[in-house]
Amino acid sequence: MSELLKNIDARTKLAGTNKLEILLFSLGVDPRTGRRETYGINVFKVREVMRSPVITAAPEMPASVEGMVSLRGALVPVIDLAKYSGFSADTPREIMIVTEYAGHTQGFLVEGVDTILRLDWSKMRVPPEMLMAQSGGLVTAVTELDDNRLVMMMDVEKVLAETTSIDNEIMFRGVIPVDRPDCTVFYCDDSSVARKQIERTLDAMGVKGVAAVNGQKMWEELDKVASFAKSVGRPASSIINLVLTDIEMPEMDGYILTKRIKSDPRFVGVPIVMHSSLSGMSNQKLGLSVGVDEYVPKFEPQRLSETLARRLGVGEIALDQV
């Protein structure tokens, strides 16, 4: 499996084409369906796949956190994804997917890994509300394979948020209020956790927000607003003050959304900030190449608020209130 993860350059070229590669894995028997379901994770977030080394247990950790391992001198927390998801613990989970995103490295214990598939984001669908409710928001996208299997993309950002000791109060303490309800940020992200963090950041700033669950839904919303603005003789930029977009999203990713906005004369003057857990330099450079004005990593509300204030032209006001 390590051989499948080596060609990072080839995968980087996929970005901007609305395509992705996902690593398929299983967690065991789902007690809700009685079947072994297939899950997926974007290969961009996978550093390696290995047999789990000896895990050292640590006190006062969430039930799904097995402990930690040492990988090349670094201590990495290990999360049992089956326990986290409420699956049966009958089968051993000895395979570890080492992931790296949002500035964190962690290991995910799984029952087994299958293969890597190349797919088009347009074939990834937003899951039905019933599935969203049943999984507690853990599934962000679903696609059907040629063999009729359904693959569910797991919200690894939700896993990270709920299994780490991140103090939300400390995270948001540095957000500077600018009190500008006349400014509206349009933002899209397929992760419910990320959307809530953005919403909380905007609320703390005193800025309005309009949310969408993916790039396609955001494009539809922007198109609607631009049509309205034209009908009343106003530029779209007078209503859409800034677009904040994730990269990975079903139906339309952040790169394609950015290309569409930047190539449409109706949106001249609308800044785009990319907000992603894929914080590698290759992703940042690609974002800039398709027209993104700035790139901000996820889970850094203070940095996000500073960037938004500056791009909205209220940076000086914010500083005056400190």
C-alpha atoms as a PDB file:
ATOM      1  CA  MET A   1       0.000   0.000   0.000  1.00  0.00           C
ATOM      2  CA  SER A   2       2.918   2.372   0.652  1.00  0.00           C
ATOM      3  CA  GLU A   3       3.814   2.101  -3.046  1.00  0.00           C
ATOM      4  CA  LEU A   4       0.389   3.485  -3.935  1.00  0.00           C
ATOM      5  CA  LEU A   5       1.012   6.604  -1.892  1.00  0.00           C
ATOM      6  CA  LYS A   6       4.397   7.561  -3.296  1.00  0.00           C
ATOM      7  CA  ASN A   7       3.607   9.586  -6.399  1.00  0.00           C
ATOM      8  CA  ILE A   8       2.546  12.811  -4.729  1.00  0.00           C
ATOM      9  CA  ASP A   9       3.409  14.988  -7.761  1.00  0.00           C
ATOM     10  CA  ALA A  10       0.984  13.056  -9.972  1.00  0.00           C
ATOM     11  CA  ARG A  11      -1.752  13.511  -7.384  1.00  0.00           C
ATOM     12  CA  THR A  12      -1.063  17.217  -7.046  1.00  0.00           C
ATOM     13  CA  LYS A  13      -1.764  17.580 -10.780  1.00  0.00           C
ATOM     14  CA  LEU A  14      -5.275  16.222 -10.139  1.00  0.00           C
ATOM     15  CA  ALA A  15      -6.126  19.291  -8.117  1.00  0.00           C
ATOM     16  CA  GLY A  16      -7.870  21.913 -10.214  1.00  0.00           C
ATOM     17  CA  THR A  17      -9.455  19.242 -12.446  1.00  0.00           C
ATOM     18  CA  ASN A  18     -12.322  18.524 -10.007  1.00  0.00           C
ATOM     19  CA  LYS A  19     -10.855  15.048  -9.481  1.00  0.00           C
ATOM     20  CA  LEU A  20      -9.545  13.299  -6.388  1.00  0.00           C
ATOM     21  CA  GLU A  21      -8.076  10.003  -5.296  1.00  0.00           C
ATOM     22  CA  ILE A  22      -9.489   8.215  -2.282  1.00  0.00           C
ATOM     23  CA  LEU A  23      -8.146   5.392  -0.157  1.00  0.00           C
ATOM     24  CA  LEU A  24     -10.871   2.828   0.548  1.00  0.00           C
ATOM     25  CA  PHE A  25     -11.020   1.153   3.956  1.00  0.00           C
ATOM     26  CA  SER A  26     -13.335  -0.870   6.185  1.00  0.00           C
ATOM     27  CA  LEU A  27     -14.052  -0.619   9.909  1.00  0.00           C
ATOM     28  CA  GLY A  28     -15.888  -3.885  10.599  1.00  0.00           C
ATOM     29  CA  VAL A  29     -19.557  -4.742  10.820  1.00  0.00           C
ATOM     30  CA  ASP A  30     -21.830  -1.736  11.138  1.00  0.00           C
ATOM     31  CA  PRO A  31     -24.393  -2.598  13.865  1.00  0.00           C
ATOM     32  CA  ARG A  32     -26.992  -0.439  12.102  1.00  0.00           C
ATOM     33  CA  THR A  33     -26.830  -2.333   8.792  1.00  0.00           C
ATOM     34  CA  GLY A  34     -25.197  -5.651   9.687  1.00  0.00           C
ATOM     35  CA  ARG A  35     -22.794  -5.128   6.761  1.00  0.00           C
ATOM     36  CA  ARG A  36     -19.191  -4.158   6.239  1.00  0.00           C
ATOM     37  CA  GLU A  37     -19.484  -0.718   4.739  1.00  0.00           C
ATOM     38  CA  THR A  38     -16.793   0.923   2.614  1.00  0.00           C
ATOM     39  CA  TYR A  39     -15.333   4.272   3.638  1.00  0.00           C
ATOM     40  CA  GLY A  40     -12.955   6.636   1.921  1.00  0.00           C
ATOM     41  CA  ILE A  41     -10.406   9.307   2.772  1.00  0.00           C
ATOM     42  CA  ASN A  42      -8.730  11.720   0.374  1.00  0.00           C
ATOM     43  CA  VAL A  43      -5.214  10.508  -0.421  1.00  0.00           C
ATOM     44  CA  PHE A  44      -3.945  14.081   0.006  1.00  0.00           C
ATOM     45  CA  LYS A  45      -4.501  13.594   3.742  1.00  0.00           C
ATOM     46  CA  VAL A  46      -2.771  10.198   3.945  1.00  0.00           C
ATOM     47  CA  ARG A  47       0.917  10.094   4.772  1.00  0.00           C
ATOM     48  CA  GLU A  48       1.324   6.322   4.930  1.00  0.00           C
ATOM     49  CA  VAL A  49      -0.451   3.040   5.620  1.00  0.00           C
ATOM     50  CA  MET A  50       1.197   0.525   7.939  1.00  0.00           C
ATOM     51  CA  ARG A  51       0.660  -2.272  10.412  1.00  0.00           C
ATOM     52  CA  SER A  52       0.087  -0.626  13.746  1.00  0.00           C
ATOM     53  CA  PRO A  53       3.132  -0.566  16.012  1.00  0.00           C
ATOM     54  CA  VAL A  54       2.778  -1.089  19.762  1.00  0.00           C
ATOM     55  CA  ILE A  55       0.424   1.549  21.137  1.00  0.00           C
ATOM     56  CA  THR A  56       1.179   3.138  24.502  1.00  0.00           C
ATOM     57  CA  ALA A  57      -1.990   3.882  26.447  1.00  0.00           C
ATOM     58  CA  ALA A  58      -2.319   7.280  28.075  1.00  0.00           C
ATOM     59  CA  PRO A  59      -4.650   8.368  30.894  1.00  0.00           C
ATOM     60  CA  GLU A  60      -7.687  10.632  30.549  1.00  0.00           C
ATOM     61  CA  MET A  61      -8.168  10.240  26.814  1.00  0.00           C
ATOM     62  CA  PRO A  62     -11.480   9.871  24.960  1.00  0.00           C
ATOM     63  CA  ALA A  63     -12.674   6.263  24.715  1.00  0.00           C
ATOM     64  CA  SER A  64     -11.854   6.009  20.999  1.00  0.00           C
ATOM     65  CA  VAL A  65      -8.259   7.218  21.465  1.00  0.00           C
ATOM     66  CA  GLU A  66      -6.167   4.089  22.022  1.00  0.00           C
ATOM     67  CA  GLY A  67      -3.016   5.959  23.022  1.00  0.00           C
ATOM     68  CA  MET A  68       0.072   7.039  21.131  1.00  0.00           C
ATOM     69  CA  VAL A  69       2.902   5.645  19.021  1.00  0.00           C
ATOM     70  CA  SER A  70       6.335   6.950  18.161  1.00  0.00           C
ATOM     71  CA  LEU A  71       6.857   7.497  14.431  1.00  0.00           C
ATOM     72  CA  ARG A  72      10.369   8.584  13.513  1.00  0.00           C
ATOM     73  CA  GLY A  73      10.756  10.322  16.840  1.00  0.00           C
ATOM     74  CA  ALA A  74       7.368  12.063  16.841  1.00  0.00           C
ATOM     75  CA  LEU A  75       4.538  11.094  19.201  1.00  0.00           C
ATOM     76  CA  VAL A  76       1.341  10.460  17.239  1.00  0.00           C
ATOM     77  CA  PRO A  77      -2.105   9.891  18.814  1.00  0.00           C
ATOM     78  CA  VAL A  78      -3.941   6.796  17.590  1.00  0.00           C
ATOM     79  CA  ILE A  79      -7.722   6.808  17.145  1.00  0.00           C
ATOM     80  CA  ASP A  80      -9.771   3.646  16.695  1.00  0.00           C
ATOM     81  CA  LEU A  81     -12.200   4.761  13.990  1.00  0.00           C
ATOM     82  CA  ALA A  82     -14.493   1.777  14.608  1.00  0.00           C
ATOM     83  CA  LYS A  83     -14.874   2.640  18.300  1.00  0.00           C
ATOM     84  CA  TYR A  84     -15.385   6.277  17.402  1.00  0.00           C
ATOM     85  CA  SER A  85     -18.124   5.294  14.936  1.00  0.00           C
ATOM     86  CA  GLY A  86     -19.835   2.878  17.334  1.00  0.00           C
ATOM     87  CA  PHE A  87     -18.940  -0.293  15.410  1.00  0.00           C
ATOM     88  CA  SER A  88     -18.517  -3.820  16.721  1.00  0.00           C
ATOM     89  CA  ALA A  89     -15.101  -4.498  18.256  1.00  0.00           C
ATOM     90  CA  ASP A  90     -15.170  -8.194  17.337  1.00  0.00           C
ATOM     91  CA  THR A  91     -12.593  -7.977  14.540  1.00  0.00           C
ATOM     92  CA  PRO A  92      -8.994  -6.879  15.119  1.00  0.00           C
ATOM     93  CA  ARG A  93      -7.955  -3.481  13.790  1.00  0.00           C
ATOM     94  CA  GLU A  94      -4.248  -3.717  13.164  1.00  0.00           C
ATOM     95  CA  ILE A  95      -3.900  -1.454  10.129  1.00  0.00           C
ATOM     96  CA  MET A  96      -3.053   2.188  10.789  1.00  0.00           C
ATOM     97  CA  ILE A  97      -3.666   4.999   8.316  1.00  0.00           C
ATOM     98  CA  VAL A  98      -1.326   7.837   9.233  1.00  0.00           C
ATOM     99  CA  THR A  99      -2.981  11.114   8.288  1.00  0.00           C
ATOM    100  CA  GLU A 100      -1.729  14.674   8.186  1.00  0.00           C
ATOM    101  CA  TYR A 101      -4.089  17.635   7.934  1.00  0.00           C
ATOM    102  CA  ALA A 102      -4.898  20.896   9.702  1.00  0.00           C
ATOM    103  CA  GLY A 103      -1.347  20.921  11.065  1.00  0.00           C
ATOM    104  CA  HIS A 104      -1.868  17.665  12.990  1.00  0.00           C
ATOM    105  CA  THR A 105      -0.604  14.115  12.471  1.00  0.00           C
ATOM    106  CA  GLN A 106      -2.646  11.205  13.801  1.00  0.00           C
ATOM    107  CA  GLY A 107      -3.101   7.491  13.216  1.00  0.00           C
ATOM    108  CA  PHE A 108      -6.473   5.923  12.413  1.00  0.00           C
ATOM    109  CA  LEU A 109      -6.910   2.238  13.256  1.00  0.00           C
ATOM    110  CA  VAL A 110      -9.028   0.404  10.668  1.00  0.00           C
ATOM    111  CA  GLU A 111      -9.961  -3.199   9.944  1.00  0.00           C
ATOM    112  CA  GLY A 112      -8.419  -3.167   6.486  1.00  0.00           C
ATOM    113  CA  VAL A 113      -7.585  -1.071   3.438  1.00  0.00           C
ATOM    114  CA  ASP A 114      -8.672  -1.909  -0.083  1.00  0.00           C
ATOM    115  CA  THR A 115      -7.301   0.223  -2.913  1.00  0.00           C
ATOM    116  CA  ILE A 116      -6.959   3.764  -4.199  1.00  0.00           C
ATOM    117  CA  LEU A 117      -9.537   5.009  -6.690  1.00  0.00           C
ATOM    118  CA  ARG A 118      -9.476   8.070  -8.910  1.00  0.00           C
ATOM    119  CA  LEU A 119     -12.875   9.785  -9.048  1.00  0.00           C
ATOM    120  CA  ASP A 120     -14.491  12.988 -10.164  1.00  0.00           C
ATOM    121  CA  TRP A 121     -15.831  15.250  -7.428  1.00  0.00           C
ATOM    122  CA  SER A 122     -18.972  15.682  -9.552  1.00  0.00           C
ATOM    123  CA  LYS A 123     -19.774  12.009  -8.839  1.00  0.00           C
ATOM    124  CA  MET A 124     -19.526  12.567  -5.101  1.00  0.00           C
ATOM    125  CA  ARG A 125     -22.956  13.437  -3.764  1.00  0.00           C
ATOM    126  CA  VAL A 126     -24.097  15.156  -0.594  1.00  0.00           C
ATOM    127  CA  PRO A 127     -25.512  12.344   1.585  1.00  0.00           C
ATOM    128  CA  PRO A 128     -29.261  12.191   2.241  1.00  0.00           C
ATOM    129  CA  GLU A 129     -30.399  13.883   5.445  1.00  0.00           C
ATOM    130  CA  MET A 130     -31.358  10.511   6.936  1.00  0.00           C
ATOM    131  CA  LEU A 131     -27.799   9.215   6.494  1.00  0.00           C
ATOM    132  CA  MET A 132     -26.385  12.466   7.859  1.00  0.00           C
ATOM    133  CA  ALA A 133     -28.523  12.111  10.976  1.00  0.00           C
ATOM    134  CA  GLN A 134     -27.742   8.415  11.363  1.00  0.00           C
ATOM    135  CA  SER A 135     -23.979   8.987  11.143  1.00  0.00           C
ATOM    136  CA  GLY A 136     -23.999  12.075  13.327  1.00  0.00           C
ATOM    137  CA  GLY A 137     -22.630  14.171  10.476  1.00  0.00           C
ATOM    138  CA  LEU A 138     -19.613  11.883  10.091  1.00  0.00           C
ATOM    139  CA  VAL A 139     -20.258  11.224   6.381  1.00  0.00           C
ATOM    140  CA  THR A 140     -19.722  14.235   4.095  1.00  0.00           C
ATOM    141  CA  ALA A 141     -20.125  12.641   0.655  1.00  0.00           C
ATOM    142  CA  VAL A 142     -21.266   9.396  -0.970  1.00  0.00           C
ATOM    143  CA  THR A 143     -20.458   7.821  -4.325  1.00  0.00           C
ATOM    144  CA  GLU A 144     -21.344   4.538  -6.044  1.00  0.00           C
ATOM    145  CA  LEU A 145     -18.619   2.309  -7.503  1.00  0.00           C
ATOM    146  CA  ASP A 146     -18.848   0.205 -10.648  1.00  0.00           C
ATOM    147  CA  ASP A 147     -19.408  -2.893  -8.478  1.00  0.00           C
ATOM    148  CA  ASN A 148     -22.475  -1.173  -6.922  1.00  0.00           C
ATOM    149  CA  ARG A 149     -20.762  -0.573  -3.584  1.00  0.00           C
ATOM    150  CA  LEU A 150     -21.456   2.738  -1.911  1.00  0.00           C
ATOM    151  CA  VAL A 151     -18.393   4.568  -0.600  1.00  0.00           C
ATOM    152  CA  MET A 152     -18.845   7.074   2.212  1.00  0.00           C
ATOM    153  CA  MET A 153     -16.303   9.866   2.670  1.00  0.00           C
ATOM    154  CA  MET A 154     -15.557  10.355   6.346  1.00  0.00           C
ATOM    155  CA  ASP A 155     -15.329  13.806   7.899  1.00  0.00           C
ATOM    156  CA  VAL A 156     -11.861  13.446   9.382  1.00  0.00           C
ATOM    157  CA  GLU A 157     -11.981  17.052  10.571  1.00  0.00           C
ATOM    158  CA  LYS A 158     -14.904  16.139  12.803  1.00  0.00           C
ATOM    159  CA  VAL A 159     -12.897  13.207  14.157  1.00  0.00           C
ATOM    160  CA  LEU A 160      -9.952  15.495  14.891  1.00  0.00           C
ATOM    161  CA  ALA A 161     -12.130  18.118  16.581  1.00  0.00           C
ATOM    162  CA  GLU A 162     -13.853  15.585  18.832  1.00  0.00           C
ATOM    163  CA  THR A 163     -10.826  13.500  19.844  1.00  0.00           C
ATOM    164  CA  THR A 164      -8.283  16.222  20.619  1.00  0.00           C
ATOM    165  CA  SER A 165      -8.016  18.476  23.626  1.00  0.00           C
ATOM    166  CA  ILE A 166      -8.448  21.673  21.608  1.00  0.00           C
ATOM    167  CA  ASP A 167      -9.962  24.297  23.912  1.00  0.00           C
ATOM    168  CA  ASN A 168     -12.572  26.120  21.843  1.00  0.00           C
ATOM    169  CA  GLU A 169     -12.715  29.059  24.224  1.00  0.00           C
ATOM    170  CA  ILE A 170      -8.975  29.639  23.851  1.00  0.00           C
ATOM    171  CA  MET A 171      -9.199  29.153  20.082  1.00  0.00           C
ATOM    172  CA  PHE A 172     -11.770  31.929  19.688  1.00  0.00           C
ATOM    173  CA  ARG A 173     -10.393  34.252  22.351  1.00  0.00           C
ATOM    174  CA  GLY A 174      -8.160  36.060  19.852  1.00  0.00           C
ATOM    175  CA  VAL A 175     -10.949  36.851  17.375  1.00  0.00           C
ATOM    176  CA  ILE A 176     -11.217  40.636  17.130  1.00  0.00           C
ATOM    177  CA  PRO A 177     -14.741  42.095  16.790  1.00  0.00           C
ATOM    178  CA  VAL A 178     -15.146  44.571  13.926  1.00  0.00           C
ATOM    179  CA  ASP A 179     -18.927  45.020  14.206  1.00  0.00           C
ATOM    180  CA  ARG A 180     -19.678  45.279  10.487  1.00  0.00           C
ATOM    181  CA  PRO A 181     -23.126  43.761   9.876  1.00  0.00           C
ATOM    182  CA  ASP A 182     -23.067  45.509   6.476  1.00  0.00           C
ATOM    183  CA  CYS A 183     -20.379  43.017   5.364  1.00  0.00           C
ATOM    184  CA  THR A 184     -21.394  39.539   4.202  1.00  0.00           C
ATOM    185  CA  VAL A 185     -19.066  36.561   3.779  1.00  0.00           C
ATOM    186  CA  PHE A 186     -20.312  33.694   1.589  1.00  0.00           C
ATOM    187  CA  TYR A 187     -18.646  30.469   2.747  1.00  0.00           C
ATOM    188  CA  CYS A 188     -18.788  26.810   1.754  1.00  0.00           C
ATOM    189  CA  ASP A 189     -17.487  23.653   3.415  1.00  0.00           C
ATOM    190  CA  ASP A 190     -18.740  20.076   3.434  1.00  0.00           C
ATOM    191  CA  SER A 191     -17.700  19.579   7.065  1.00  0.00           C
ATOM    192  CA  SER A 192     -20.342  20.538   9.628  1.00  0.00           C
ATOM    193  CA  VAL A 193     -17.558  21.130  12.170  1.00  0.00           C
ATOM    194  CA  ALA A 194     -15.751  23.545   9.853  1.00  0.00           C
ATOM    195  CA  ARG A 195     -18.973  25.407   9.027  1.00  0.00           C
ATOM    196  CA  LYS A 196     -19.732  25.838  12.726  1.00  0.00           C
ATOM    197  CA  GLN A 197     -16.239  27.189  13.357  1.00  0.00           C
ATOM    198  CA  ILE A 198     -16.586  29.672  10.506  1.00  0.00           C
ATOM    199  CA  GLU A 199     -20.038  30.703  11.741  1.00  0.00           C
ATOM    200  CA  ARG A 200     -18.697  31.240  15.251  1.00  0.00           C
ATOM    201  CA  THR A 201     -15.754  33.272  13.924  1.00  0.00           C
ATOM    202  CA  LEU A 202     -18.038  35.532  11.885  1.00  0.00           C
ATOM    203  CA  ASP A 203     -20.433  35.952  14.831  1.00  0.00           C
ATOM    204  CA  ALA A 204     -17.533  36.975  17.070  1.00  0.00           C
ATOM    205  CA  MET A 205     -16.391  39.451  14.428  1.00  0.00           C
ATOM    206  CA  GLY A 206     -19.869  40.916  13.992  1.00  0.00           C
ATOM    207  CA  VAL A 207     -19.983  40.016  10.277  1.00  0.00           C
ATOM    208  CA  LYS A 208     -22.857  38.315   8.458  1.00  0.00           C
ATOM    209  CA  GLY A 209     -22.390  34.941   6.767  1.00  0.00           C
ATOM    210  CA  VAL A 210     -24.167  32.847   4.128  1.00  0.00           C
ATOM    211  CA  ALA A 211     -23.278  29.131   4.185  1.00  0.00           C
ATOM    212  CA  ALA A 212     -23.306  26.324   1.607  1.00  0.00           C
ATOM    213  CA  VAL A 213     -22.375  22.645   1.927  1.00  0.00           C
ATOM    214  CA  ASN A 214     -20.240  22.463  -1.232  1.00  0.00           C
ATOM    215  CA  GLY A 215     -18.933  24.419  -4.197  1.00  0.00           C
ATOM    216  CA  GLN A 216     -21.914  23.615  -6.438  1.00  0.00           C
ATOM    217  CA  LYS A 217     -24.424  24.914  -3.886  1.00  0.00           C
ATOM    218  CA  MET A 218     -22.289  28.004  -3.343  1.00  0.00           C
ATOM    219  CA  TRP A 219     -22.087  28.662  -7.093  1.00  0.00           C
ATOM    220  CA  GLU A 220     -25.876  28.440  -7.350  1.00  0.00           C
ATOM    221  CA  GLU A 221     -26.225  30.922  -4.471  1.00  0.00           C
ATOM    222  CA  LEU A 222     -23.688  33.342  -5.972  1.00  0.00           C
ATOM    223  CA  ASP A 223     -25.368  33.149  -9.391  1.00  0.00           C
ATOM    224  CA  LYS A 224     -28.707  33.958  -7.786  1.00  0.00           C
ATOM    225  CA  VAL A 225     -27.292  36.945  -5.888  1.00  0.00           C
ATOM    226  CA  ALA A 226     -25.488  38.251  -8.984  1.00  0.00           C
ATOM    227  CA  SER A 227     -28.736  38.096 -10.985  1.00  0.00           C
ATOM    228  CA  PHE A 228     -30.552  40.021  -8.263  1.00  0.00           C
ATOM    229  CA  ALA A 229     -27.782  42.618  -8.060  1.00  0.00           C
ATOM    230  CA  LYS A 230     -27.973  43.158 -11.826  1.00  0.00           C
ATOM    231  CA  SER A 231     -31.760  43.566 -11.671  1.00  0.00           C
ATOM    232  CA  VAL A 232     -31.424  46.432  -9.174  1.00  0.00           C
ATOM    233  CA  GLY A 233     -28.471  48.036 -10.932  1.00  0.00           C
ATOM    234  CA  ARG A 234     -25.842  47.133  -8.368  1.00  0.00           C
ATOM    235  CA  PRO A 235     -22.534  45.241  -8.696  1.00  0.00           C
ATOM    236  CA  ALA A 236     -22.475  41.783  -7.127  1.00  0.00           C
ATOM    237  CA  SER A 237     -19.510  42.899  -5.011  1.00  0.00           C
ATOM    238  CA  SER A 238     -21.817  45.280  -3.121  1.00  0.00           C
ATOM    239  CA  ILE A 239     -23.633  42.237  -1.703  1.00  0.00           C
ATOM    240  CA  ILE A 240     -20.971  39.509  -1.849  1.00  0.00           C
ATOM    241  CA  ASN A 241     -18.111  41.088   0.082  1.00  0.00           C
ATOM    242  CA  LEU A 242     -15.947  37.940   0.199  1.00  0.00           C
ATOM    243  CA  VAL A 243     -16.066  34.225  -0.670  1.00  0.00           C
ATOM    244  CA  LEU A 244     -14.467  31.747   1.739  1.00  0.00           C
ATOM    245  CA  THR A 245     -14.086  28.257   0.305  1.00  0.00           C
ATOM    246  CA  ASP A 246     -12.854  24.837   1.341  1.00  0.00           C
ATOM    247  CA  ILE A 247     -10.895  22.735  -1.194  1.00  0.00           C
ATOM    248  CA  GLU A 248     -12.395  19.244  -0.796  1.00  0.00           C
ATOM    249  CA  MET A 249     -16.133  19.224  -1.454  1.00  0.00           C
ATOM    250  CA  PRO A 250     -18.559  16.916  -3.278  1.00  0.00           C
ATOM    251  CA  GLU A 251     -20.002  17.936  -6.653  1.00  0.00           C
ATOM    252  CA  MET A 252     -17.646  20.904  -7.092  1.00  0.00           C
ATOM    253  CA  ASP A 253     -14.362  21.480  -5.272  1.00  0.00           C
ATOM    254  CA  GLY A 254     -12.904  24.814  -4.203  1.00  0.00           C
ATOM    255  CA  TYR A 255     -10.503  25.075  -7.141  1.00  0.00           C
ATOM    256  CA  ILE A 256     -13.263  24.801  -9.749  1.00  0.00           C
ATOM    257  CA  LEU A 257     -15.480  27.182  -7.775  1.00  0.00           C
ATOM    258  CA  THR A 258     -12.641  29.723  -7.685  1.00  0.00           C
ATOM    259  CA  LYS A 259     -12.012  29.374 -11.431  1.00  0.00           C
ATOM    260  CA  ARG A 260     -15.701  29.988 -12.159  1.00  0.00           C
ATOM    261  CA  ILE A 261     -15.917  33.063  -9.942  1.00  0.00           C
ATOM    262  CA  LYS A 262     -12.698  34.601 -11.242  1.00  0.00           C
ATOM    263  CA  SER A 263     -13.654  34.031 -14.890  1.00  0.00           C
ATOM    264  CA  ASP A 264     -17.121  35.590 -14.482  1.00  0.00           C
ATOM    265  CA  PRO A 265     -17.110  39.401 -14.951  1.00  0.00           C
ATOM    266  CA  ARG A 266     -20.119  39.715 -12.633  1.00  0.00           C
ATOM    267  CA  PHE A 267     -17.849  38.957  -9.661  1.00  0.00           C
ATOM    268  CA  VAL A 268     -15.094  41.470 -10.352  1.00  0.00           C
ATOM    269  CA  GLY A 269     -13.838  42.862  -7.051  1.00  0.00           C
ATOM    270  CA  VAL A 270     -14.962  39.872  -4.939  1.00  0.00           C
ATOM    271  CA  PRO A 271     -11.954  38.476  -3.006  1.00  0.00           C
ATOM    272  CA  ILE A 272     -11.657  34.710  -2.508  1.00  0.00           C
ATOM    273  CA  VAL A 273      -9.991  33.186   0.537  1.00  0.00           C
ATOM    274  CA  MET A 274      -9.256  29.454   0.533  1.00  0.00           C
ATOM    275  CA  HIS A 275      -9.762  27.830   3.930  1.00  0.00           C
ATOM    276  CA  SER A 276      -8.507  24.261   4.072  1.00  0.00           C
ATOM    277  CA  SER A 277      -6.942  21.534   6.179  1.00  0.00           C
ATOM    278  CA  LEU A 278      -4.792  20.673   3.141  1.00  0.00           C
ATOM    279  CA  SER A 279      -2.078  23.081   4.189  1.00  0.00           C
ATOM    280  CA  GLY A 280       0.765  21.777   1.995  1.00  0.00           C
ATOM    281  CA  MET A 281       2.630  24.301  -0.152  1.00  0.00           C
ATOM    282  CA  SER A 282       1.569  22.520  -3.357  1.00  0.00           C
ATOM    283  CA  ASN A 283      -2.100  23.080  -2.470  1.00  0.00           C
ATOM    284  CA  GLN A 284      -1.482  26.710  -1.580  1.00  0.00           C
ATOM    285  CA  LYS A 285       0.364  27.344  -4.853  1.00  0.00           C
ATOM    286  CA  LEU A 286      -2.398  25.695  -6.843  1.00  0.00           C
ATOM    287  CA  GLY A 287      -4.982  27.829  -5.064  1.00  0.00           C
ATOM    288  CA  LEU A 288      -3.065  30.964  -6.008  1.00  0.00           C
ATOM    289  CA  SER A 289      -2.725  29.732  -9.612  1.00  0.00           C
ATOM    290  CA  VAL A 290      -6.531  29.524 -10.030  1.00  0.00           C
ATOM    291  CA  GLY A 291      -7.026  33.011  -8.607  1.00  0.00           C
ATOM    292  CA  VAL A 292      -7.367  32.623  -4.847  1.00  0.00           C
ATOM    293  CA  ASP A 293      -6.424  35.890  -3.130  1.00  0.00           C
ATOM    294  CA  GLU A 294      -5.278  34.302   0.117  1.00  0.00           C
ATOM    295  CA  TYR A 295      -4.944  30.927   1.845  1.00  0.00           C
ATOM    296  CA  VAL A 296      -5.754  30.272   5.526  1.00  0.00           C
ATOM    297  CA  PRO A 297      -5.375  26.932   7.361  1.00  0.00           C
ATOM    298  CA  LYS A 298      -8.363  25.563   9.246  1.00  0.00           C
ATOM    299  CA  PHE A 299      -8.711  25.514  13.043  1.00  0.00           C
ATOM    300  CA  GLU A 300      -7.054  28.919  13.434  1.00  0.00           C
ATOM    301  CA  PRO A 301      -9.973  31.316  14.112  1.00  0.00           C
ATOM    302  CA  GLN A 302      -7.762  34.260  15.079  1.00  0.00           C
ATOM    303  CA  ARG A 303      -5.760  34.035  11.861  1.00  0.00           C
ATOM    304  CA  LEU A 304      -8.956  33.576   9.859  1.00  0.00           C
ATOM    305  CA  SER A 305     -10.550  36.643  11.449  1.00  0.00           C
ATOM    306  CA  GLU A 306      -7.445  38.761  10.797  1.00  0.00           C
ATOM    307  CA  THR A 307      -7.414  37.703   7.146  1.00  0.00           C
ATOM    308  CA  LEU A 308     -11.128  38.337   6.685  1.00  0.00           C
ATOM    309  CA  ALA A 309     -10.925  41.761   8.372  1.00  0.00           C
ATOM    310  CA  ARG A 310      -8.054  42.788   6.109  1.00  0.00           C
ATOM    311  CA  ARG A 311      -9.732  41.528   2.931  1.00  0.00           C
ATOM    312  CA  LEU A 312     -13.012  43.183   3.906  1.00  0.00           C
ATOM    313  CA  GLY A 313     -11.164  46.454   4.369  1.00  0.00           C
ATOM    314  CA  VAL A 314     -11.896  46.689   8.086  1.00  0.00           C
ATOM    315  CA  GLY A 315      -8.445  45.810   9.399  1.00  0.00           C
ATOM    316  CA  GLU A 316      -7.764  49.329  10.676  1.00  0.00           C
ATOM    317  CA  ILE A 317     -11.103  49.442  12.479  1.00  0.00           C
ATOM    318  CA  ALA A 318     -10.324  46.143  14.158  1.00  0.00           C
ATOM    319  CA  LEU A 319      -6.944  47.361  15.360  1.00  0.00           C
ATOM    320  CA  ASP A 320      -8.485  50.543  16.762  1.00  0.00           C
ATOM    321  CA  GLN A 321     -10.764  48.441  18.975  1.00  0.00           C
ATOM    322  CA  VAL A 322      -7.984  46.389  20.568  1.00  0.00           C
END
